Amino acid sequence: MEGEPPGRYGLTDEQYEALTAVWEQGYYTVPREADLDALAEEPDISHQALSERLRRGIDAPVQDTLIVDDPPPEADRPEE
């Protein structure tokens, strides 16, 4: 993903930055090398805001690549 524009994946700049930062710091490794409380300190946002940003950021590429034929109703998807 390095060098790719975030919009290509349906991500906002903030979602792209959050997803790449947590991946680089080991959030998705097993076992985790970082937790959301510590990761939320760097961009100076709350644990909850980072969690929501990650969920929405993961939703966009999953929907665009895996769920292309049957997207959920827009009413069920919160806006960022």
Protein backbone atom coordinates (compact mmCIF):
# COMPACT_ATOMS: atom_id res chain seq x y z
CA MET A 1 0.00 0.00 0.00
CA GLU A 2 2.98 2.27 0.32
CA GLY A 3 2.70 5.21 -2.03
CA GLU A 4 -0.94 4.50 -2.93
CA PRO A 5 -3.51 7.26 -2.51
CA PRO A 6 -5.99 6.50 0.30
CA GLY A 7 -9.01 7.28 -1.91
CA ARG A 8 -8.18 4.32 -4.12
CA TYR A 9 -9.37 2.05 -1.32
CA GLY A 10 -12.40 4.13 -0.37
CA LEU A 11 -10.61 5.48 2.70
CA THR A 12 -10.39 8.96 4.11
CA ASP A 13 -6.89 10.27 4.81
CA GLU A 14 -7.53 9.80 8.55
CA GLN A 15 -8.63 6.18 8.08
CA TYR A 16 -5.61 5.41 5.91
CA GLU A 17 -3.22 6.99 8.40
CA ALA A 18 -4.81 5.17 11.34
CA LEU A 19 -4.81 1.76 9.63
CA THR A 20 -1.22 2.00 8.46
CA ALA A 21 -0.02 3.34 11.83
CA VAL A 22 -1.61 0.55 13.88
CA TRP A 23 -0.38 -2.09 11.43
CA GLU A 24 3.18 -0.72 11.61
CA GLN A 25 3.06 -0.72 15.42
CA GLY A 26 1.91 -4.33 15.68
CA TYR A 27 -1.77 -3.97 16.52
CA TYR A 28 -2.76 -6.74 14.11
CA THR A 29 -0.01 -9.20 15.09
CA VAL A 30 -0.72 -12.24 17.24
CA PRO A 31 -0.14 -11.58 20.02
CA ARG A 32 -0.70 -7.84 19.76
CA GLU A 33 2.35 -5.68 20.23
CA ALA A 34 0.30 -2.53 20.93
CA ASP A 35 -3.11 -1.61 22.33
CA LEU A 36 -5.57 1.06 21.25
CA ASP A 37 -5.03 3.22 24.33
CA ALA A 38 -1.34 3.62 23.52
CA LEU A 39 -1.96 3.96 19.78
CA ALA A 40 -4.57 6.70 20.31
CA GLU A 41 -2.01 8.90 22.10
CA GLU A 42 0.05 9.68 19.00
CA PRO A 43 -2.72 11.21 16.87
CA ASP A 44 -4.13 12.67 20.13
CA ILE A 45 -7.61 11.17 19.78
CA SER A 46 -9.66 9.07 22.15
CA HIS A 47 -9.53 5.28 22.28
CA GLN A 48 -13.16 5.26 21.07
CA ALA A 49 -12.47 7.60 18.14
CA LEU A 50 -9.53 5.47 16.99
CA SER A 51 -11.59 2.29 17.32
CA GLU A 52 -14.39 3.79 15.20
CA ARG A 53 -11.90 5.08 12.62
CA LEU A 54 -10.37 1.60 12.31
CA ARG A 55 -13.74 -0.14 11.98
CA ARG A 56 -14.88 2.29 9.30
CA GLY A 57 -11.50 2.09 7.60
CA ILE A 58 -11.69 -1.70 7.48
CA ASP A 59 -15.31 -1.62 6.29
CA ALA A 60 -14.49 0.36 3.13
CA PRO A 61 -11.98 -2.02 1.49
CA VAL A 62 -13.84 -5.14 2.68
CA GLN A 63 -17.05 -3.90 1.12
CA ASP A 64 -15.28 -2.82 -2.07
CA THR A 65 -13.39 -6.11 -2.49
CA LEU A 66 -15.39 -8.86 -0.80
CA ILE A 67 -18.99 -7.66 -0.58
CA VAL A 68 -19.28 -5.99 -3.98
CA ASP A 69 -22.56 -7.64 -5.00
CA ASP A 70 -24.61 -7.10 -1.84
CA PRO A 71 -23.67 -3.94 0.10
CA PRO A 72 -25.59 -3.22 3.32
CA PRO A 73 -28.25 -0.50 3.24
CA GLU A 74 -26.75 2.98 3.58
CA ALA A 75 -29.04 3.68 6.54
CA ASP A 76 -27.17 1.04 8.55
CA ARG A 77 -23.74 2.58 7.87
CA PRO A 78 -22.79 5.54 10.08
CA GLU A 79 -21.14 8.56 8.50
CA GLU A 80 -17.63 9.58 9.63
